[in-house]
Amino acid sequence: MAILGLVRKRSDPRAHEVALRVVSWARDAGVSVLAEHECAAELGTPGATKPEMFERAAAIAVLGGDGTFLATARLAGARETPVVGVNLGGLGFLTEIMLDEIEESLAAVLAGRALVERRGMLEATVERAGGGRESFQALNDAVLSRGSLGRTVDIEVRIDGSLLGRFSADGLIVATPTGSTAYNLSAGGPAVHPSIRVHLLSAICPHTLSVRPVVVDDAARLEFRLGPPREQLLLTLDGQETVRLGPEDRVVVTRAAHQALMVRSPRHDFYDLLRTKLGWGRS
């Protein structure tokens, strides 16, 4: 029997209603559902953690916004389990399956005939001054910033060992094409089709007009160090996971070894989403 993982945004009543609908469909279709422990009892399904879902499920349905999708997709790792992001009515570039497409999309992905895109991810490695190393993954972006509001940060940037520059700004964003329509777009970076294998480097409110976004091959190695005065820096992954850096630590960002598998709607393409979500062409 096929197994479907189910993740829902617990604070959204609509997500609970849709989850009940998915469970009902799965029972009729002969599909076993694994829900997160926090909501399994009220849905009448076995409970599991997200990592357990990626180990056991053929696909995972995410009911919520882009934040819920990102928190789930970062855990895919080597399993590369397809993730179905269901849009509950908000502004979502990742959760593009509409409510009237749910059953059709779930049946297609479990049967192996869904439109599935491989999305590149970032691996951000913190190299501690004392010799330790920690690695993190992100689907949208890795952001370097200072924790204090109203303070700029000076960051040295090297690409494949070559010095790009030292930038004074509120922070720096390294984004994937998937994340190009998130914080990167708000900071003045370009919207990039997700099939293009690049990484985007955008400064947040740079303190000189000469600083512009930079597009690099996703095989490049990006290195970041805090310039003087060396205080503290924050590394934030997908806007959800934050790591505090010491003044002598270094951050290296590369292409992750694994990709996120995202189930696409056959009714929309990237340009449809841009036009619809950003309101382009409205009279």
C-alpha atoms as a PDB file:
ATOM      1  CA  MET A   1       0.000   0.000   0.000  1.00  0.00           C
ATOM      2  CA  ALA A   2       1.299   3.466  -0.931  1.00  0.00           C
ATOM      3  CA  ILE A   3       2.086   5.796   1.964  1.00  0.00           C
ATOM      4  CA  LEU A   4       1.387   9.544   1.895  1.00  0.00           C
ATOM      5  CA  GLY A   5       2.970  11.901   4.422  1.00  0.00           C
ATOM      6  CA  LEU A   6       0.772  14.782   5.584  1.00  0.00           C
ATOM      7  CA  VAL A   7       2.023  18.071   7.062  1.00  0.00           C
ATOM      8  CA  ARG A   8      -0.370  20.887   7.884  1.00  0.00           C
ATOM      9  CA  LYS A   9      -0.055  24.378   9.298  1.00  0.00           C
ATOM     10  CA  ARG A  10      -1.446  23.840  12.764  1.00  0.00           C
ATOM     11  CA  SER A  11      -2.548  27.466  13.266  1.00  0.00           C
ATOM     12  CA  ASP A  12      -4.737  27.529  10.143  1.00  0.00           C
ATOM     13  CA  PRO A  13      -8.284  26.092  10.491  1.00  0.00           C
ATOM     14  CA  ARG A  14      -8.494  25.713   6.700  1.00  0.00           C
ATOM     15  CA  ALA A  15      -5.474  23.427   6.772  1.00  0.00           C
ATOM     16  CA  HIS A  16      -7.304  21.113   9.184  1.00  0.00           C
ATOM     17  CA  GLU A  17     -10.379  21.019   6.931  1.00  0.00           C
ATOM     18  CA  VAL A  18      -8.263  20.193   3.882  1.00  0.00           C
ATOM     19  CA  ALA A  19      -6.326  17.574   5.872  1.00  0.00           C
ATOM     20  CA  LEU A  20      -9.591  15.790   6.688  1.00  0.00           C
ATOM     21  CA  ARG A  21     -10.448  15.887   2.993  1.00  0.00           C
ATOM     22  CA  VAL A  22      -7.067  14.377   2.069  1.00  0.00           C
ATOM     23  CA  VAL A  23      -7.444  11.605   4.669  1.00  0.00           C
ATOM     24  CA  SER A  24     -10.926  10.768   3.352  1.00  0.00           C
ATOM     25  CA  TRP A  25      -9.649  10.633  -0.227  1.00  0.00           C
ATOM     26  CA  ALA A  26      -6.691   8.457   0.796  1.00  0.00           C
ATOM     27  CA  ARG A  27      -8.920   5.906   2.509  1.00  0.00           C
ATOM     28  CA  ASP A  28     -11.109   5.621  -0.591  1.00  0.00           C
ATOM     29  CA  ALA A  29      -8.009   5.310  -2.789  1.00  0.00           C
ATOM     30  CA  GLY A  30      -6.371   2.637  -0.625  1.00  0.00           C
ATOM     31  CA  VAL A  31      -3.553   4.944   0.462  1.00  0.00           C
ATOM     32  CA  SER A  32      -2.100   4.942   3.981  1.00  0.00           C
ATOM     33  CA  VAL A  33      -1.550   8.374   5.566  1.00  0.00           C
ATOM     34  CA  LEU A  34       1.172   9.373   8.046  1.00  0.00           C
ATOM     35  CA  ALA A  35       0.470  12.686   9.783  1.00  0.00           C
ATOM     36  CA  GLU A  36       2.627  14.624  12.227  1.00  0.00           C
ATOM     37  CA  HIS A  37       2.237  13.448  15.813  1.00  0.00           C
ATOM     38  CA  GLU A  38       0.609  16.740  16.874  1.00  0.00           C
ATOM     39  CA  CYS A  39      -2.388  16.255  14.592  1.00  0.00           C
ATOM     40  CA  ALA A  40      -2.492  12.494  13.921  1.00  0.00           C
ATOM     41  CA  ALA A  41      -5.075  11.687  16.607  1.00  0.00           C
ATOM     42  CA  GLU A  42      -7.609  14.273  15.434  1.00  0.00           C
ATOM     43  CA  LEU A  43      -7.165  13.092  11.845  1.00  0.00           C
ATOM     44  CA  GLY A  44      -7.411   9.409  12.791  1.00  0.00           C
ATOM     45  CA  THR A  45      -4.061   8.461  11.233  1.00  0.00           C
ATOM     46  CA  PRO A  46      -0.754   7.037  12.495  1.00  0.00           C
ATOM     47  CA  GLY A  47       1.728   9.678  13.684  1.00  0.00           C
ATOM     48  CA  ALA A  48       5.280  10.297  12.494  1.00  0.00           C
ATOM     49  CA  THR A  49       7.984  12.933  12.508  1.00  0.00           C
ATOM     50  CA  LYS A  50       8.892  14.719   9.274  1.00  0.00           C
ATOM     51  CA  PRO A  51      12.170  12.752   8.932  1.00  0.00           C
ATOM     52  CA  GLU A  52      10.209   9.498   9.391  1.00  0.00           C
ATOM     53  CA  MET A  53       7.823  10.605   6.643  1.00  0.00           C
ATOM     54  CA  PHE A  54      10.708  11.115   4.234  1.00  0.00           C
ATOM     55  CA  GLU A  55      11.963   7.630   5.074  1.00  0.00           C
ATOM     56  CA  ARG A  56       8.626   5.876   4.609  1.00  0.00           C
ATOM     57  CA  ALA A  57       6.315   7.939   2.372  1.00  0.00           C
ATOM     58  CA  ALA A  58       6.192   7.952  -1.420  1.00  0.00           C
ATOM     59  CA  ALA A  59       5.194  11.639  -1.325  1.00  0.00           C
ATOM     60  CA  ILE A  60       4.404  14.340   1.226  1.00  0.00           C
ATOM     61  CA  ALA A  61       1.455  16.710   1.044  1.00  0.00           C
ATOM     62  CA  VAL A  62       2.018  20.111   2.676  1.00  0.00           C
ATOM     63  CA  LEU A  63      -1.069  22.095   3.631  1.00  0.00           C
ATOM     64  CA  GLY A  64      -0.120  25.658   4.475  1.00  0.00           C
ATOM     65  CA  GLY A  65       1.952  28.504   3.117  1.00  0.00           C
ATOM     66  CA  ASP A  66       5.434  28.718   1.670  1.00  0.00           C
ATOM     67  CA  GLY A  67       6.907  28.735   5.185  1.00  0.00           C
ATOM     68  CA  THR A  68       5.390  25.349   5.983  1.00  0.00           C
ATOM     69  CA  PHE A  69       6.629  24.044   2.637  1.00  0.00           C
ATOM     70  CA  LEU A  70      10.183  25.285   3.270  1.00  0.00           C
ATOM     71  CA  ALA A  71      10.333  23.790   6.761  1.00  0.00           C
ATOM     72  CA  THR A  72       9.360  20.434   5.266  1.00  0.00           C
ATOM     73  CA  ALA A  73      11.453  20.487   2.073  1.00  0.00           C
ATOM     74  CA  ARG A  74      14.706  21.245   3.953  1.00  0.00           C
ATOM     75  CA  LEU A  75      14.450  17.812   5.596  1.00  0.00           C
ATOM     76  CA  ALA A  76      14.291  15.851   2.329  1.00  0.00           C
ATOM     77  CA  GLY A  77      18.021  15.129   2.222  1.00  0.00           C
ATOM     78  CA  ALA A  78      19.137  12.122   0.223  1.00  0.00           C
ATOM     79  CA  ARG A  79      15.618  10.670   0.089  1.00  0.00           C
ATOM     80  CA  GLU A  80      14.438  13.385  -2.384  1.00  0.00           C
ATOM     81  CA  THR A  81      10.789  12.530  -1.712  1.00  0.00           C
ATOM     82  CA  PRO A  82       8.338  14.547  -3.866  1.00  0.00           C
ATOM     83  CA  VAL A  83       6.558  17.305  -1.937  1.00  0.00           C
ATOM     84  CA  VAL A  84       3.074  18.502  -2.938  1.00  0.00           C
ATOM     85  CA  GLY A  85       2.487  22.081  -1.784  1.00  0.00           C
ATOM     86  CA  VAL A  86      -1.234  22.880  -1.531  1.00  0.00           C
ATOM     87  CA  ASN A  87      -2.166  26.565  -1.678  1.00  0.00           C
ATOM     88  CA  LEU A  88      -4.789  27.580   0.876  1.00  0.00           C
ATOM     89  CA  GLY A  89      -5.383  31.010  -0.594  1.00  0.00           C
ATOM     90  CA  GLY A  90      -2.300  33.085   0.314  1.00  0.00           C
ATOM     91  CA  LEU A  91       0.567  34.443  -1.770  1.00  0.00           C
ATOM     92  CA  GLY A  92       2.594  31.298  -2.471  1.00  0.00           C
ATOM     93  CA  PHE A  93       5.212  30.550  -5.110  1.00  0.00           C
ATOM     94  CA  LEU A  94       5.945  27.090  -3.693  1.00  0.00           C
ATOM     95  CA  THR A  95       2.459  25.940  -2.715  1.00  0.00           C
ATOM     96  CA  GLU A  96       0.962  26.119  -6.185  1.00  0.00           C
ATOM     97  CA  ILE A  97      -1.478  23.168  -6.180  1.00  0.00           C
ATOM     98  CA  MET A  98      -4.964  24.662  -5.954  1.00  0.00           C
ATOM     99  CA  LEU A  99      -7.734  23.170  -3.786  1.00  0.00           C
ATOM    100  CA  ASP A 100      -9.575  21.792  -6.815  1.00  0.00           C
ATOM    101  CA  GLU A 101      -6.380  19.971  -7.921  1.00  0.00           C
ATOM    102  CA  ILE A 102      -5.552  18.133  -4.693  1.00  0.00           C
ATOM    103  CA  GLU A 103      -6.927  14.678  -5.399  1.00  0.00           C
ATOM    104  CA  GLU A 104      -5.756  14.719  -9.009  1.00  0.00           C
ATOM    105  CA  SER A 105      -2.237  15.798  -8.008  1.00  0.00           C
ATOM    106  CA  LEU A 106      -1.914  13.270  -5.171  1.00  0.00           C
ATOM    107  CA  ALA A 107      -3.119  10.422  -7.380  1.00  0.00           C
ATOM    108  CA  ALA A 108      -0.659  11.461 -10.099  1.00  0.00           C
ATOM    109  CA  VAL A 109       2.388  11.671  -7.808  1.00  0.00           C
ATOM    110  CA  LEU A 110       1.657   8.341  -6.126  1.00  0.00           C
ATOM    111  CA  ALA A 111       1.258   6.733  -9.548  1.00  0.00           C
ATOM    112  CA  GLY A 112       4.572   8.203 -10.738  1.00  0.00           C
ATOM    113  CA  ARG A 113       3.062  10.365 -13.464  1.00  0.00           C
ATOM    114  CA  ALA A 114       3.077  13.818 -11.853  1.00  0.00           C
ATOM    115  CA  LEU A 115       5.032  16.799 -13.139  1.00  0.00           C
ATOM    116  CA  VAL A 116       7.958  16.908 -10.699  1.00  0.00           C
ATOM    117  CA  GLU A 117      10.698  19.541 -10.780  1.00  0.00           C
ATOM    118  CA  ARG A 118      14.096  19.196  -9.153  1.00  0.00           C
ATOM    119  CA  ARG A 119      14.971  22.368  -7.281  1.00  0.00           C
ATOM    120  CA  GLY A 120      18.559  23.109  -6.299  1.00  0.00           C
ATOM    121  CA  MET A 121      19.309  23.828  -2.650  1.00  0.00           C
ATOM    122  CA  LEU A 122      22.049  25.674  -0.793  1.00  0.00           C
ATOM    123  CA  GLU A 123      24.484  24.223   1.698  1.00  0.00           C
ATOM    124  CA  ALA A 124      25.809  26.804   4.130  1.00  0.00           C
ATOM    125  CA  THR A 125      28.807  25.668   6.187  1.00  0.00           C
ATOM    126  CA  VAL A 126      29.899  27.638   9.224  1.00  0.00           C
ATOM    127  CA  GLU A 127      33.618  27.233   9.825  1.00  0.00           C
ATOM    128  CA  ARG A 128      34.280  28.227  13.422  1.00  0.00           C
ATOM    129  CA  ALA A 129      37.435  30.072  14.367  1.00  0.00           C
ATOM    130  CA  GLY A 130      38.127  27.330  16.898  1.00  0.00           C
ATOM    131  CA  GLY A 131      38.043  24.607  14.243  1.00  0.00           C
ATOM    132  CA  GLY A 132      34.455  23.317  14.420  1.00  0.00           C
ATOM    133  CA  ARG A 133      32.141  23.025  11.408  1.00  0.00           C
ATOM    134  CA  GLU A 134      28.351  23.063  11.091  1.00  0.00           C
ATOM    135  CA  SER A 135      26.393  22.607   7.861  1.00  0.00           C
ATOM    136  CA  PHE A 136      22.841  23.706   7.070  1.00  0.00           C
ATOM    137  CA  GLN A 137      20.599  23.483   4.016  1.00  0.00           C
ATOM    138  CA  ALA A 138      18.170  25.980   2.508  1.00  0.00           C
ATOM    139  CA  LEU A 139      15.779  25.849  -0.417  1.00  0.00           C
ATOM    140  CA  ASN A 140      15.163  29.605  -0.751  1.00  0.00           C
ATOM    141  CA  ASP A 141      18.070  31.524   0.709  1.00  0.00           C
ATOM    142  CA  ALA A 142      20.843  31.992   3.231  1.00  0.00           C
ATOM    143  CA  VAL A 143      20.981  35.498   4.718  1.00  0.00           C
ATOM    144  CA  LEU A 144      23.867  37.132   6.559  1.00  0.00           C
ATOM    145  CA  SER A 145      22.918  40.085   8.756  1.00  0.00           C
ATOM    146  CA  ARG A 146      23.704  41.817  12.002  1.00  0.00           C
ATOM    147  CA  GLY A 147      21.218  41.286  14.800  1.00  0.00           C
ATOM    148  CA  SER A 148      21.087  44.958  15.836  1.00  0.00           C
ATOM    149  CA  LEU A 149      18.481  47.040  14.029  1.00  0.00           C
ATOM    150  CA  GLY A 150      19.745  50.207  12.399  1.00  0.00           C
ATOM    151  CA  ARG A 151      23.331  48.953  12.211  1.00  0.00           C
ATOM    152  CA  THR A 152      25.193  48.158   9.024  1.00  0.00           C
ATOM    153  CA  VAL A 153      27.522  45.212   8.579  1.00  0.00           C
ATOM    154  CA  ASP A 154      30.740  45.003   6.530  1.00  0.00           C
ATOM    155  CA  ILE A 155      31.163  41.636   4.814  1.00  0.00           C
ATOM    156  CA  GLU A 156      34.036  40.427   2.642  1.00  0.00           C
ATOM    157  CA  VAL A 157      32.878  38.230  -0.256  1.00  0.00           C
ATOM    158  CA  ARG A 158      35.025  35.809  -2.253  1.00  0.00           C
ATOM    159  CA  ILE A 159      33.850  33.689  -5.183  1.00  0.00           C
ATOM    160  CA  ASP A 160      35.974  30.620  -5.945  1.00  0.00           C
ATOM    161  CA  GLY A 161      38.779  32.257  -3.982  1.00  0.00           C
ATOM    162  CA  SER A 162      38.681  35.579  -5.870  1.00  0.00           C
ATOM    163  CA  LEU A 163      37.806  38.703  -3.924  1.00  0.00           C
ATOM    164  CA  LEU A 164      34.514  40.165  -5.183  1.00  0.00           C
ATOM    165  CA  GLY A 165      34.482  43.021  -2.711  1.00  0.00           C
ATOM    166  CA  ARG A 166      33.771  44.260   0.783  1.00  0.00           C
ATOM    167  CA  PHE A 167      30.218  45.449   1.174  1.00  0.00           C
ATOM    168  CA  SER A 168      28.622  47.712   3.740  1.00  0.00           C
ATOM    169  CA  ALA A 169      24.902  46.941   3.959  1.00  0.00           C
ATOM    170  CA  ASP A 170      22.153  45.737   6.255  1.00  0.00           C
ATOM    171  CA  GLY A 171      23.066  42.232   5.092  1.00  0.00           C
ATOM    172  CA  LEU A 172      23.644  39.915   2.135  1.00  0.00           C
ATOM    173  CA  ILE A 173      21.299  37.351   0.580  1.00  0.00           C
ATOM    174  CA  VAL A 174      22.418  34.228  -1.265  1.00  0.00           C
ATOM    175  CA  ALA A 175      19.349  32.875  -3.055  1.00  0.00           C
ATOM    176  CA  THR A 176      18.511  29.944  -5.290  1.00  0.00           C
ATOM    177  CA  PRO A 177      16.311  30.479  -8.362  1.00  0.00           C
ATOM    178  CA  THR A 178      13.462  29.038  -6.279  1.00  0.00           C
ATOM    179  CA  GLY A 179      14.116  31.729  -3.670  1.00  0.00           C
ATOM    180  CA  SER A 180      14.565  34.500  -6.230  1.00  0.00           C
ATOM    181  CA  THR A 181      10.925  35.536  -5.744  1.00  0.00           C
ATOM    182  CA  ALA A 182      11.269  35.729  -1.945  1.00  0.00           C
ATOM    183  CA  TYR A 183      13.566  38.045   0.090  1.00  0.00           C
ATOM    184  CA  ASN A 184      15.863  38.428  -2.928  1.00  0.00           C
ATOM    185  CA  LEU A 185      13.081  40.054  -4.975  1.00  0.00           C
ATOM    186  CA  SER A 186      12.205  42.419  -2.112  1.00  0.00           C
ATOM    187  CA  ALA A 187      15.869  43.467  -1.940  1.00  0.00           C
ATOM    188  CA  GLY A 188      15.929  44.373  -5.646  1.00  0.00           C
ATOM    189  CA  GLY A 189      17.299  41.091  -6.990  1.00  0.00           C
ATOM    190  CA  PRO A 190      16.040  39.492 -10.223  1.00  0.00           C
ATOM    191  CA  ALA A 191      13.284  36.915 -10.581  1.00  0.00           C
ATOM    192  CA  VAL A 192      14.941  33.847 -12.119  1.00  0.00           C
ATOM    193  CA  HIS A 193      13.334  30.812 -13.738  1.00  0.00           C
ATOM    194  CA  PRO A 194      13.867  27.833 -11.391  1.00  0.00           C
ATOM    195  CA  SER A 195      15.379  25.669 -14.146  1.00  0.00           C
ATOM    196  CA  ILE A 196      18.453  27.928 -14.429  1.00  0.00           C
ATOM    197  CA  ARG A 197      21.407  26.643 -12.404  1.00  0.00           C
ATOM    198  CA  VAL A 198      22.661  29.794 -10.716  1.00  0.00           C
ATOM    199  CA  HIS A 199      22.909  31.424  -7.308  1.00  0.00           C
ATOM    200  CA  LEU A 200      22.014  35.050  -6.684  1.00  0.00           C
ATOM    201  CA  LEU A 201      23.910  37.430  -4.417  1.00  0.00           C
ATOM    202  CA  SER A 202      21.969  40.543  -3.379  1.00  0.00           C
ATOM    203  CA  ALA A 203      22.837  43.194  -0.815  1.00  0.00           C
ATOM    204  CA  ILE A 204      20.157  44.389   1.599  1.00  0.00           C
ATOM    205  CA  CYS A 205      20.000  48.202   1.589  1.00  0.00           C
ATOM    206  CA  PRO A 206      23.651  48.695   0.523  1.00  0.00           C
ATOM    207  CA  HIS A 207      25.267  51.937   1.610  1.00  0.00           C
ATOM    208  CA  THR A 208      26.487  52.810  -1.857  1.00  0.00           C
ATOM    209  CA  LEU A 209      24.577  53.022  -5.140  1.00  0.00           C
ATOM    210  CA  SER A 210      27.304  51.097  -7.002  1.00  0.00           C
ATOM    211  CA  VAL A 211      26.343  47.747  -5.389  1.00  0.00           C
ATOM    212  CA  ARG A 212      24.178  45.607  -7.648  1.00  0.00           C
ATOM    213  CA  PRO A 213      22.943  41.983  -7.532  1.00  0.00           C
ATOM    214  CA  VAL A 214      25.374  39.385  -8.859  1.00  0.00           C
ATOM    215  CA  VAL A 215      24.454  36.110 -10.585  1.00  0.00           C
ATOM    216  CA  VAL A 216      26.975  33.267 -10.324  1.00  0.00           C
ATOM    217  CA  ASP A 217      27.138  29.653 -11.471  1.00  0.00           C
ATOM    218  CA  ASP A 218      25.638  27.395  -8.806  1.00  0.00           C
ATOM    219  CA  ALA A 219      28.865  25.362  -8.856  1.00  0.00           C
ATOM    220  CA  ALA A 220      30.734  28.364  -7.426  1.00  0.00           C
ATOM    221  CA  ARG A 221      32.009  28.478  -3.866  1.00  0.00           C
ATOM    222  CA  LEU A 222      30.981  31.643  -2.018  1.00  0.00           C
ATOM    223  CA  GLU A 223      32.927  32.663   1.094  1.00  0.00           C
ATOM    224  CA  PHE A 224      31.899  35.342   3.571  1.00  0.00           C
ATOM    225  CA  ARG A 225      33.869  36.925   6.396  1.00  0.00           C
ATOM    226  CA  LEU A 226      32.935  39.745   8.717  1.00  0.00           C
ATOM    227  CA  GLY A 227      34.979  42.865   8.157  1.00  0.00           C
ATOM    228  CA  PRO A 228      36.087  45.351  10.820  1.00  0.00           C
ATOM    229  CA  PRO A 229      34.826  46.203  13.345  1.00  0.00           C
ATOM    230  CA  ARG A 230      34.467  42.474  13.919  1.00  0.00           C
ATOM    231  CA  GLU A 231      31.369  41.986  16.007  1.00  0.00           C
ATOM    232  CA  GLN A 232      28.696  39.327  15.599  1.00  0.00           C
ATOM    233  CA  LEU A 233      26.776  38.167  12.557  1.00  0.00           C
ATOM    234  CA  LEU A 234      23.627  36.094  12.082  1.00  0.00           C
ATOM    235  CA  LEU A 235      23.121  33.409   9.433  1.00  0.00           C
ATOM    236  CA  THR A 236      19.449  32.712   8.693  1.00  0.00           C
ATOM    237  CA  LEU A 237      18.270  29.805   6.532  1.00  0.00           C
ATOM    238  CA  ASP A 238      14.944  30.201   4.682  1.00  0.00           C
ATOM    239  CA  GLY A 239      13.914  32.824   7.226  1.00  0.00           C
ATOM    240  CA  GLN A 240      13.371  30.071   9.800  1.00  0.00           C
ATOM    241  CA  GLU A 241      16.633  28.742  11.224  1.00  0.00           C
ATOM    242  CA  THR A 242      19.169  31.186  12.687  1.00  0.00           C
ATOM    243  CA  VAL A 243      22.807  30.581  13.618  1.00  0.00           C
ATOM    244  CA  ARG A 244      24.867  33.092  15.590  1.00  0.00           C
ATOM    245  CA  LEU A 245      28.381  33.613  14.236  1.00  0.00           C
ATOM    246  CA  GLY A 246      31.496  34.720  16.034  1.00  0.00           C
ATOM    247  CA  PRO A 247      33.636  37.631  14.774  1.00  0.00           C
ATOM    248  CA  GLU A 248      36.295  35.321  13.285  1.00  0.00           C
ATOM    249  CA  ASP A 249      33.975  32.649  11.843  1.00  0.00           C
ATOM    250  CA  ARG A 250      33.649  32.082   8.111  1.00  0.00           C
ATOM    251  CA  VAL A 251      30.556  31.027   6.101  1.00  0.00           C
ATOM    252  CA  VAL A 252      30.925  29.002   2.897  1.00  0.00           C
ATOM    253  CA  VAL A 253      27.880  28.602   0.648  1.00  0.00           C
ATOM    254  CA  THR A 254      27.810  25.976  -2.115  1.00  0.00           C
ATOM    255  CA  ARG A 255      25.300  23.925  -4.077  1.00  0.00           C
ATOM    256  CA  ALA A 256      23.820  21.202  -1.851  1.00  0.00           C
ATOM    257  CA  ALA A 257      24.448  17.595  -2.830  1.00  0.00           C
ATOM    258  CA  HIS A 258      20.708  16.836  -2.900  1.00  0.00           C
ATOM    259  CA  GLN A 259      17.713  18.544  -4.447  1.00  0.00           C
ATOM    260  CA  ALA A 260      14.140  19.186  -3.394  1.00  0.00           C
ATOM    261  CA  LEU A 261      11.498  17.497  -5.554  1.00  0.00           C
ATOM    262  CA  MET A 262       8.519  19.783  -6.043  1.00  0.00           C
ATOM    263  CA  VAL A 263       5.254  18.615  -7.595  1.00  0.00           C
ATOM    264  CA  ARG A 264       4.059  21.195 -10.119  1.00  0.00           C
ATOM    265  CA  SER A 265       0.593  21.999 -11.333  1.00  0.00           C
ATOM    266  CA  PRO A 266       0.091  21.269 -15.050  1.00  0.00           C
ATOM    267  CA  ARG A 267      -2.234  24.291 -15.204  1.00  0.00           C
ATOM    268  CA  HIS A 268       0.413  26.927 -14.436  1.00  0.00           C
ATOM    269  CA  ASP A 269       3.964  27.767 -15.415  1.00  0.00           C
ATOM    270  CA  PHE A 270       6.524  30.082 -13.805  1.00  0.00           C
ATOM    271  CA  TYR A 271       5.411  33.089 -15.825  1.00  0.00           C
ATOM    272  CA  ASP A 272       1.758  32.504 -14.937  1.00  0.00           C
ATOM    273  CA  LEU A 273       2.787  32.544 -11.278  1.00  0.00           C
ATOM    274  CA  LEU A 274       4.791  35.759 -11.648  1.00  0.00           C
ATOM    275  CA  ARG A 275       1.926  37.512 -13.393  1.00  0.00           C
ATOM    276  CA  THR A 276      -0.689  36.246 -10.941  1.00  0.00           C
ATOM    277  CA  LYS A 277       1.200  36.548  -7.660  1.00  0.00           C
ATOM    278  CA  LEU A 278       2.810  39.928  -8.402  1.00  0.00           C
ATOM    279  CA  GLY A 279      -0.216  41.432 -10.133  1.00  0.00           C
ATOM    280  CA  TRP A 280       1.571  42.248 -13.375  1.00  0.00           C
ATOM    281  CA  GLY A 281      -0.664  43.397 -16.215  1.00  0.00           C
ATOM    282  CA  ARG A 282      -3.555  44.546 -14.046  1.00  0.00           C
ATOM    283  CA  SER A 283      -5.459  47.481 -15.467  1.00  0.00           C
END
